[in-house]
Amino acid sequence: MNDIQLLTIALAAVPTMLAVLVGILINNSRLTDLRVHVDHLLDELRDSWRAELHRVEEVLDARLKHIEDRF
């Protein structure tokens, strides 16, 4: 193979490699966005569960106090 053929093969492979690298970077940024979104949703869910647990604790404390006062 002469130099022109090698250069042609090399130049044909470069755009493919660049396209793959760009695709990897785009997917990585999308995964990062997804991770941030899921983290936000989990934080909201955790806050909701804590508020609900606090409400249930207050109800149970009130019921227990009512039972203790009766005896």
C-alpha atoms as a PDB file:
ATOM      1  CA  MET A   1       0.000   0.000   0.000  1.00  0.00           C
ATOM      2  CA  ASN A   2       1.289   3.410  -0.796  1.00  0.00           C
ATOM      3  CA  ASP A   3       1.095   6.569   1.279  1.00  0.00           C
ATOM      4  CA  ILE A   4      -2.076   7.852  -0.377  1.00  0.00           C
ATOM      5  CA  GLN A   5      -3.985   4.670   0.471  1.00  0.00           C
ATOM      6  CA  LEU A   6      -2.856   4.778   4.110  1.00  0.00           C
ATOM      7  CA  LEU A   7      -3.811   8.436   4.358  1.00  0.00           C
ATOM      8  CA  THR A   8      -7.230   7.694   2.867  1.00  0.00           C
ATOM      9  CA  ILE A   9      -7.855   4.887   5.360  1.00  0.00           C
ATOM     10  CA  ALA A  10      -6.745   7.076   8.272  1.00  0.00           C
ATOM     11  CA  LEU A  11      -8.879  10.016   7.160  1.00  0.00           C
ATOM     12  CA  ALA A  12     -11.905   7.741   6.721  1.00  0.00           C
ATOM     13  CA  ALA A  13     -11.582   6.437  10.293  1.00  0.00           C
ATOM     14  CA  VAL A  14     -11.224   9.847  11.967  1.00  0.00           C
ATOM     15  CA  PRO A  15     -14.811  11.088  11.402  1.00  0.00           C
ATOM     16  CA  THR A  16     -16.175   7.789  12.685  1.00  0.00           C
ATOM     17  CA  MET A  17     -14.093   8.045  15.842  1.00  0.00           C
ATOM     18  CA  LEU A  18     -15.135  11.666  16.343  1.00  0.00           C
ATOM     19  CA  ALA A  19     -18.801  10.740  15.916  1.00  0.00           C
ATOM     20  CA  VAL A  20     -18.444   7.982  18.511  1.00  0.00           C
ATOM     21  CA  LEU A  21     -16.698  10.317  20.964  1.00  0.00           C
ATOM     22  CA  VAL A  22     -19.370  12.995  20.528  1.00  0.00           C
ATOM     23  CA  GLY A  23     -22.056  10.352  21.091  1.00  0.00           C
ATOM     24  CA  ILE A  24     -20.356   9.215  24.285  1.00  0.00           C
ATOM     25  CA  LEU A  25     -20.166  12.792  25.581  1.00  0.00           C
ATOM     26  CA  ILE A  26     -23.826  13.451  24.776  1.00  0.00           C
ATOM     27  CA  ASN A  27     -24.919  10.227  26.492  1.00  0.00           C
ATOM     28  CA  ASN A  28     -22.785  11.078  29.502  1.00  0.00           C
ATOM     29  CA  SER A  29     -24.419  14.491  29.862  1.00  0.00           C
ATOM     30  CA  ARG A  30     -27.872  12.926  29.514  1.00  0.00           C
ATOM     31  CA  LEU A  31     -27.043  10.388  32.213  1.00  0.00           C
ATOM     32  CA  THR A  32     -25.836  13.194  34.461  1.00  0.00           C
ATOM     33  CA  ASP A  33     -29.088  15.083  33.880  1.00  0.00           C
ATOM     34  CA  LEU A  34     -31.061  11.926  34.648  1.00  0.00           C
ATOM     35  CA  ARG A  35     -29.076  11.345  37.846  1.00  0.00           C
ATOM     36  CA  VAL A  36     -29.728  14.908  39.005  1.00  0.00           C
ATOM     37  CA  HIS A  37     -33.445  14.540  38.247  1.00  0.00           C
ATOM     38  CA  VAL A  38     -33.695  11.213  40.103  1.00  0.00           C
ATOM     39  CA  ASP A  39     -31.770  12.635  43.072  1.00  0.00           C
ATOM     40  CA  HIS A  40     -34.226  15.545  43.220  1.00  0.00           C
ATOM     41  CA  LEU A  41     -37.213  13.190  43.108  1.00  0.00           C
ATOM     42  CA  LEU A  42     -35.727  11.004  45.838  1.00  0.00           C
ATOM     43  CA  ASP A  43     -35.096  14.058  48.025  1.00  0.00           C
ATOM     44  CA  GLU A  44     -38.734  15.094  47.630  1.00  0.00           C
ATOM     45  CA  LEU A  45     -39.896  11.568  48.427  1.00  0.00           C
ATOM     46  CA  ARG A  46     -37.697  11.439  51.532  1.00  0.00           C
ATOM     47  CA  ASP A  47     -39.064  14.775  52.746  1.00  0.00           C
ATOM     48  CA  SER A  48     -42.608  13.567  52.151  1.00  0.00           C
ATOM     49  CA  TRP A  49     -41.997  10.347  54.072  1.00  0.00           C
ATOM     50  CA  ARG A  50     -40.450  12.257  56.981  1.00  0.00           C
ATOM     51  CA  ALA A  51     -43.434  14.602  57.172  1.00  0.00           C
ATOM     52  CA  GLU A  52     -45.852  11.671  57.081  1.00  0.00           C
ATOM     53  CA  LEU A  53     -43.863   9.804  59.728  1.00  0.00           C
ATOM     54  CA  HIS A  54     -43.875  12.887  61.952  1.00  0.00           C
ATOM     55  CA  ARG A  55     -47.659  13.155  61.575  1.00  0.00           C
ATOM     56  CA  VAL A  56     -48.117   9.467  62.463  1.00  0.00           C
ATOM     57  CA  GLU A  57     -45.860   9.868  65.502  1.00  0.00           C
ATOM     58  CA  GLU A  58     -47.972  12.770  66.728  1.00  0.00           C
ATOM     59  CA  VAL A  59     -51.176  10.755  66.301  1.00  0.00           C
ATOM     60  CA  LEU A  60     -49.701   7.789  68.152  1.00  0.00           C
ATOM     61  CA  ASP A  61     -48.405  10.032  70.942  1.00  0.00           C
ATOM     62  CA  ALA A  62     -51.852  11.595  71.333  1.00  0.00           C
ATOM     63  CA  ARG A  63     -53.545   8.191  71.449  1.00  0.00           C
ATOM     64  CA  LEU A  64     -51.034   6.860  73.955  1.00  0.00           C
ATOM     65  CA  LYS A  65     -51.481   9.941  76.145  1.00  0.00           C
ATOM     66  CA  HIS A  66     -55.257   9.461  75.969  1.00  0.00           C
ATOM     67  CA  ILE A  67     -54.894   5.816  77.046  1.00  0.00           C
ATOM     68  CA  GLU A  68     -52.491   6.727  79.855  1.00  0.00           C
ATOM     69  CA  ASP A  69     -54.856   9.415  81.133  1.00  0.00           C
ATOM     70  CA  ARG A  70     -57.721   6.933  81.293  1.00  0.00           C
ATOM     71  CA  PHE A  71     -55.843   4.620  83.649  1.00  0.00           C
END
